[in-house]
Structures are given as structure tokens and as C-alpha cells.
Amino acid sequence: MFDFLVAPLVTGICMATVYGLFELYARRRERIAIIEKLGSNLSPSEMKEQMGSLSPLLMHRKLSFSALKAGCLLIGVGLGLLAGFILIFCTLKSYAHSGEAGIVYGASVMLFGGVGLVVAFVIETRMARKRHP
């Protein structure tokens, strides 16, 4: 029934995995370069002093809302699939295996997925306003 989702889903998972591995490798190289650059020039007390001057910058860094966006998107997709199933079950009983069913599923998934992203955006902007009055 959901054969059309398999190929994009597998492709997306593979691409995300490859991107994640490259990002981890790049971060590791950057951190090693910073440690080597510092070397033994700084003592632990000097390093703590340097990090203390950076702490205000670290405290005001931007929050990442990627988990909120992904969660709202997945909730929207789930609600879209449920709404599509209910709509098909109530109206298109005899046409459940035809093209209309695919259109209803696709449209409801896109609609509710978009609504989920809009909800995530609204929550994000409200949290940003509350954080920076």
C-alpha cells in the first residue's frame, strides 16, 4: 500500500547517515586542530580563564529547533495518514484500491505535514520572543 514511500525513505536515511558521518569526522578534525594549536602553551588555570571569557558568548548561542520541527512534521504526517484512511474508509469504500485512494493519502499527508511545520514555526517564534523580550 505504501510502496511509493520506500524509495524516498531509504534514500533520505542513507543521505542523512552519510552527512552525519562526514560532519562527525569534520568536527573531530577541527577539535584536534584546536587542541594542537593550543598545545602546551596554556596551563589549566589560563585555559579556565579563557573559557570564562567565552561563557557569555556560549550562553547566548541560538537554540536549535530541529527536534521540534521533526516532531511536528512526523505528528502531521501521522495525522495525515490517519485522516486519509478515515476519509477513504467513510467515502470511497468500493474504490479503496484505485488511484483516488493514493491521491487522498498523498494530499492529506502533505496538508497535515505542512500544518505540523507551521505549528513548529509558531512555537519557535513564540519561544524566541519569550527568550529575547
Foldseek 3Di string as FASTA:
>chain_A
DVPVVVVVVVVVVVVVVVVVVVVVVVVVVVVVVVCVVCDPVDDPVRVVVVVVVCVVVVVPDDDDLPVQLVVLLVVLQVVLQVVLVVVCVVPVVVCCPDPVSVVSSVVSSVVSSVVSNVVSVVVVVVVVVVVPD
